[in-house]
Amino acid sequence: MKMSKEQYETLEAAITAVVNHWGKDACYDYAQQHNHERLRWKLLSLAERNLRFSDDHPGFVDGHWKRVYPQCVGWNLYGELNDNHIDTALRKITLNLGV
């Protein structure tokens, strides 16, 4: 895996927080309605909102987004990784979480 251990552990913790907030049943339902690949990328999107943006972001201020994991200043997976690298990590994380 091309992702660093630190990046992986941070991403895993953030996705775990999202799954805990959303619930495994909701993840299962989402995957059934769409597919597992789309679930993985949806979880990434929700985790990245938390990792990349401060509480001052309009999504959090307006209540459209929910803070479930602390911001990680400077978070940027795409600085050195591509979608294939990220998807490899997402597959492992979702498998470990059972979603």
N, C-alpha and C. Protein backbone atom coordinates (compact mmCIF):
# COMPACT_ATOMS: atom_id res chain seq x y z
N MET A 1 0.85 -1.17 0.00
CA MET A 1 0.00 0.00 0.00
C MET A 1 0.90 1.24 0.00
N LYS A 2 0.57 2.19 -0.83
CA LYS A 2 1.39 3.40 -0.96
C LYS A 2 1.12 4.42 0.13
N MET A 3 0.00 4.30 0.80
CA MET A 3 -0.37 5.23 1.86
C MET A 3 0.53 5.00 3.07
N SER A 4 0.96 6.10 3.69
CA SER A 4 1.81 5.95 4.87
C SER A 4 0.99 5.36 6.02
N LYS A 5 1.71 4.79 6.97
CA LYS A 5 1.05 4.20 8.14
C LYS A 5 0.25 5.26 8.90
N GLU A 6 0.81 6.45 9.03
CA GLU A 6 0.13 7.53 9.74
C GLU A 6 -1.15 7.95 9.01
N GLN A 7 -1.06 8.09 7.69
CA GLN A 7 -2.25 8.44 6.91
C GLN A 7 -3.32 7.36 7.05
N TYR A 8 -2.90 6.12 6.93
CA TYR A 8 -3.85 5.00 7.02
C TYR A 8 -4.54 4.99 8.38
N GLU A 9 -3.77 5.12 9.45
CA GLU A 9 -4.35 5.08 10.79
C GLU A 9 -5.30 6.24 11.03
N THR A 10 -4.97 7.41 10.53
CA THR A 10 -5.86 8.57 10.66
C THR A 10 -7.14 8.34 9.87
N LEU A 11 -7.00 7.88 8.64
CA LEU A 11 -8.17 7.62 7.80
C LEU A 11 -9.04 6.53 8.41
N GLU A 12 -8.42 5.49 8.91
CA GLU A 12 -9.18 4.40 9.54
C GLU A 12 -9.96 4.91 10.76
N ALA A 13 -9.33 5.74 11.57
CA ALA A 13 -10.00 6.28 12.76
C ALA A 13 -11.17 7.18 12.36
N ALA A 14 -10.98 8.00 11.34
CA ALA A 14 -12.04 8.91 10.90
C ALA A 14 -13.21 8.12 10.29
N ILE A 15 -12.91 7.12 9.47
CA ILE A 15 -13.98 6.31 8.88
C ILE A 15 -14.70 5.51 9.96
N THR A 16 -13.97 5.01 10.93
CA THR A 16 -14.59 4.30 12.05
C THR A 16 -15.58 5.22 12.77
N ALA A 17 -15.19 6.47 12.99
CA ALA A 17 -16.08 7.43 13.64
C ALA A 17 -17.33 7.67 12.79
N VAL A 18 -17.16 7.76 11.49
CA VAL A 18 -18.31 7.95 10.58
C VAL A 18 -19.24 6.74 10.65
N VAL A 19 -18.66 5.54 10.57
CA VAL A 19 -19.48 4.32 10.62
C VAL A 19 -20.20 4.22 11.96
N ASN A 20 -19.53 4.55 13.04
CA ASN A 20 -20.17 4.52 14.36
C ASN A 20 -21.32 5.53 14.44
N HIS A 21 -21.12 6.68 13.83
CA HIS A 21 -22.18 7.70 13.83
C HIS A 21 -23.34 7.29 12.92
N TRP A 22 -23.02 6.81 11.74
CA TRP A 22 -24.03 6.44 10.73
C TRP A 22 -24.73 5.14 11.11
N GLY A 23 -23.97 4.21 11.69
CA GLY A 23 -24.48 2.89 12.05
C GLY A 23 -24.20 1.87 10.95
N LYS A 24 -23.84 0.67 11.37
CA LYS A 24 -23.52 -0.38 10.39
C LYS A 24 -24.73 -0.75 9.55
N ASP A 25 -25.92 -0.71 10.14
CA ASP A 25 -27.13 -1.04 9.38
C ASP A 25 -27.34 -0.04 8.25
N ALA A 26 -27.11 1.24 8.52
CA ALA A 26 -27.24 2.27 7.48
C ALA A 26 -26.20 2.06 6.39
N CYS A 27 -24.99 1.65 6.78
CA CYS A 27 -23.94 1.36 5.78
C CYS A 27 -24.36 0.18 4.91
N TYR A 28 -24.88 -0.83 5.55
CA TYR A 28 -25.34 -2.02 4.82
C TYR A 28 -26.46 -1.63 3.84
N ASP A 29 -27.42 -0.85 4.32
CA ASP A 29 -28.53 -0.42 3.46
C ASP A 29 -28.02 0.40 2.27
N TYR A 30 -27.08 1.30 2.54
CA TYR A 30 -26.51 2.13 1.48
C TYR A 30 -25.83 1.26 0.43
N ALA A 31 -25.06 0.27 0.88
CA ALA A 31 -24.37 -0.63 -0.05
C ALA A 31 -25.36 -1.45 -0.87
N GLN A 32 -26.47 -1.84 -0.25
CA GLN A 32 -27.49 -2.61 -0.97
C GLN A 32 -28.19 -1.75 -2.02
N GLN A 33 -28.43 -0.49 -1.71
CA GLN A 33 -29.08 0.41 -2.65
C GLN A 33 -28.16 0.82 -3.79
N HIS A 34 -26.89 0.89 -3.51
CA HIS A 34 -25.91 1.36 -4.51
C HIS A 34 -24.95 0.21 -4.81
N ASN A 35 -23.80 0.21 -4.18
CA ASN A 35 -22.85 -0.90 -4.24
C ASN A 35 -21.74 -0.63 -3.22
N HIS A 36 -20.90 -1.62 -3.01
CA HIS A 36 -19.87 -1.49 -1.97
C HIS A 36 -18.82 -0.44 -2.35
N GLU A 37 -18.51 -0.32 -3.63
CA GLU A 37 -17.53 0.69 -4.03
C GLU A 37 -18.05 2.09 -3.71
N ARG A 38 -19.30 2.33 -4.02
CA ARG A 38 -19.89 3.65 -3.73
C ARG A 38 -19.94 3.89 -2.23
N LEU A 39 -20.21 2.87 -1.44
CA LEU A 39 -20.18 3.02 0.02
C LEU A 39 -18.79 3.43 0.49
N ARG A 40 -17.75 2.77 -0.02
CA ARG A 40 -16.38 3.10 0.39
C ARG A 40 -16.08 4.58 0.15
N TRP A 41 -16.44 5.06 -1.03
CA TRP A 41 -16.13 6.44 -1.39
C TRP A 41 -17.03 7.43 -0.66
N LYS A 42 -18.24 7.04 -0.32
CA LYS A 42 -19.12 7.89 0.50
C LYS A 42 -18.53 8.04 1.90
N LEU A 43 -18.05 6.93 2.47
CA LEU A 43 -17.42 6.99 3.79
C LEU A 43 -16.18 7.87 3.76
N LEU A 44 -15.40 7.77 2.68
CA LEU A 44 -14.23 8.64 2.53
C LEU A 44 -14.66 10.10 2.50
N SER A 45 -15.68 10.41 1.73
CA SER A 45 -16.15 11.78 1.62
C SER A 45 -16.57 12.34 2.99
N LEU A 46 -17.32 11.55 3.73
CA LEU A 46 -17.76 11.99 5.05
C LEU A 46 -16.59 12.14 6.02
N ALA A 47 -15.64 11.21 5.95
CA ALA A 47 -14.46 11.29 6.82
C ALA A 47 -13.61 12.50 6.46
N GLU A 48 -13.44 12.75 5.16
CA GLU A 48 -12.61 13.87 4.73
C GLU A 48 -13.19 15.22 5.14
N ARG A 49 -14.51 15.34 5.18
CA ARG A 49 -15.12 16.59 5.66
C ARG A 49 -14.61 16.89 7.06
N ASN A 50 -14.56 15.87 7.88
CA ASN A 50 -14.10 16.04 9.25
C ASN A 50 -12.61 16.30 9.32
N LEU A 51 -11.85 15.60 8.51
CA LEU A 51 -10.39 15.73 8.56
C LEU A 51 -9.90 17.06 7.97
N ARG A 52 -10.52 17.52 6.91
CA ARG A 52 -10.00 18.67 6.18
C ARG A 52 -10.50 20.02 6.67
N PHE A 53 -11.71 20.08 7.17
CA PHE A 53 -12.33 21.37 7.41
C PHE A 53 -12.53 21.67 8.90
N SER A 54 -12.40 22.95 9.24
CA SER A 54 -12.60 23.38 10.62
C SER A 54 -14.09 23.54 10.91
N ASP A 55 -14.39 23.76 12.16
CA ASP A 55 -15.79 23.97 12.57
C ASP A 55 -16.36 25.26 11.99
N ASP A 56 -15.51 26.13 11.44
CA ASP A 56 -15.96 27.38 10.83
C ASP A 56 -16.48 27.18 9.41
N HIS A 57 -16.30 25.98 8.84
CA HIS A 57 -16.78 25.72 7.49
C HIS A 57 -18.31 25.82 7.49
N PRO A 58 -18.88 26.44 6.45
CA PRO A 58 -20.35 26.59 6.40
C PRO A 58 -21.13 25.28 6.56
N GLY A 59 -20.57 24.17 6.10
CA GLY A 59 -21.25 22.88 6.25
C GLY A 59 -21.47 22.52 7.71
N PHE A 60 -20.49 22.81 8.55
CA PHE A 60 -20.62 22.55 9.98
C PHE A 60 -21.43 23.65 10.66
N VAL A 61 -21.17 24.90 10.29
CA VAL A 61 -21.87 26.03 10.90
C VAL A 61 -23.38 25.91 10.68
N ASP A 62 -23.78 25.58 9.45
CA ASP A 62 -25.20 25.48 9.10
C ASP A 62 -25.86 24.19 9.58
N GLY A 63 -25.06 23.26 10.10
CA GLY A 63 -25.60 22.01 10.60
C GLY A 63 -25.85 20.95 9.54
N HIS A 64 -25.38 21.20 8.31
CA HIS A 64 -25.53 20.21 7.24
C HIS A 64 -24.57 19.04 7.43
N TRP A 65 -23.42 19.32 8.03
CA TRP A 65 -22.41 18.31 8.31
C TRP A 65 -22.34 18.11 9.81
N LYS A 66 -21.93 16.91 10.21
CA LYS A 66 -21.81 16.57 11.63
C LYS A 66 -20.34 16.28 11.94
N ARG A 67 -19.82 16.95 12.94
CA ARG A 67 -18.43 16.71 13.37
C ARG A 67 -18.41 15.41 14.18
N VAL A 68 -17.72 14.38 13.65
CA VAL A 68 -17.61 13.11 14.36
C VAL A 68 -16.15 12.73 14.60
N TYR A 69 -15.22 13.54 14.04
CA TYR A 69 -13.79 13.29 14.20
C TYR A 69 -13.08 14.64 14.13
N PRO A 70 -12.03 14.84 14.91
CA PRO A 70 -11.33 16.13 14.91
C PRO A 70 -10.66 16.45 13.57
N GLN A 71 -10.58 17.73 13.28
CA GLN A 71 -9.88 18.19 12.08
C GLN A 71 -8.40 17.82 12.16
N CYS A 72 -7.83 17.48 11.03
CA CYS A 72 -6.39 17.19 10.91
C CYS A 72 -5.82 18.23 9.95
N VAL A 73 -5.29 19.31 10.48
CA VAL A 73 -4.81 20.42 9.66
C VAL A 73 -3.76 19.91 8.67
N GLY A 74 -3.96 20.26 7.40
CA GLY A 74 -3.03 19.86 6.36
C GLY A 74 -3.37 18.53 5.71
N TRP A 75 -4.48 17.92 6.08
CA TRP A 75 -4.87 16.61 5.53
C TRP A 75 -5.08 16.72 4.03
N ASN A 76 -4.39 15.87 3.26
CA ASN A 76 -4.55 15.85 1.81
C ASN A 76 -4.03 14.52 1.27
N LEU A 77 -4.92 13.59 1.00
CA LEU A 77 -4.51 12.29 0.46
C LEU A 77 -4.01 12.40 -0.97
N TYR A 78 -4.58 13.33 -1.73
CA TYR A 78 -4.25 13.39 -3.15
C TYR A 78 -2.93 14.07 -3.44
N GLY A 79 -2.23 14.53 -2.44
CA GLY A 79 -0.92 15.12 -2.66
C GLY A 79 0.09 14.12 -3.20
N GLU A 80 -0.07 12.87 -2.81
CA GLU A 80 0.91 11.85 -3.22
C GLU A 80 0.27 10.53 -3.63
N LEU A 81 -1.05 10.43 -3.54
CA LEU A 81 -1.74 9.18 -3.83
C LEU A 81 -2.75 9.36 -4.96
N ASN A 82 -3.09 8.26 -5.63
CA ASN A 82 -4.15 8.32 -6.63
C ASN A 82 -5.33 7.48 -6.15
N ASP A 83 -6.40 7.45 -6.94
CA ASP A 83 -7.62 6.75 -6.53
C ASP A 83 -7.38 5.27 -6.23
N ASN A 84 -6.52 4.63 -7.00
CA ASN A 84 -6.24 3.20 -6.76
C ASN A 84 -5.58 2.98 -5.40
N HIS A 85 -4.66 3.85 -5.05
CA HIS A 85 -3.99 3.73 -3.74
C HIS A 85 -5.02 3.92 -2.61
N ILE A 86 -5.86 4.92 -2.78
CA ILE A 86 -6.85 5.22 -1.76
C ILE A 86 -7.88 4.10 -1.65
N ASP A 87 -8.32 3.58 -2.80
CA ASP A 87 -9.31 2.51 -2.77
C ASP A 87 -8.76 1.25 -2.11
N THR A 88 -7.50 0.97 -2.27
CA THR A 88 -6.89 -0.18 -1.60
C THR A 88 -7.04 -0.03 -0.08
N ALA A 89 -6.76 1.16 0.42
CA ALA A 89 -6.90 1.41 1.85
C ALA A 89 -8.36 1.34 2.27
N LEU A 90 -9.25 1.91 1.46
CA LEU A 90 -10.68 1.88 1.79
C LEU A 90 -11.21 0.45 1.86
N ARG A 91 -10.77 -0.40 0.94
CA ARG A 91 -11.19 -1.81 0.96
C ARG A 91 -10.78 -2.48 2.26
N LYS A 92 -9.54 -2.24 2.67
CA LYS A 92 -9.03 -2.85 3.89
C LYS A 92 -9.77 -2.33 5.11
N ILE A 93 -9.99 -1.02 5.16
CA ILE A 93 -10.67 -0.41 6.31
C ILE A 93 -12.10 -0.93 6.42
N THR A 94 -12.85 -0.93 5.32
CA THR A 94 -14.24 -1.37 5.38
C THR A 94 -14.34 -2.86 5.69
N LEU A 95 -13.39 -3.65 5.19
CA LEU A 95 -13.36 -5.08 5.52
C LEU A 95 -13.14 -5.28 7.02
N ASN A 96 -12.18 -4.53 7.57
CA ASN A 96 -11.89 -4.63 9.01
C ASN A 96 -13.08 -4.18 9.86
N LEU A 97 -13.84 -3.21 9.35
CA LEU A 97 -15.01 -2.71 10.09
C LEU A 97 -16.26 -3.57 9.88
N GLY A 98 -16.21 -4.45 8.89
CA GLY A 98 -17.35 -5.32 8.61
C GLY A 98 -18.49 -4.60 7.93
N VAL A 99 -18.16 -3.62 7.11
CA VAL A 99 -19.20 -2.91 6.34
C VAL A 99 -18.96 -3.06 4.85
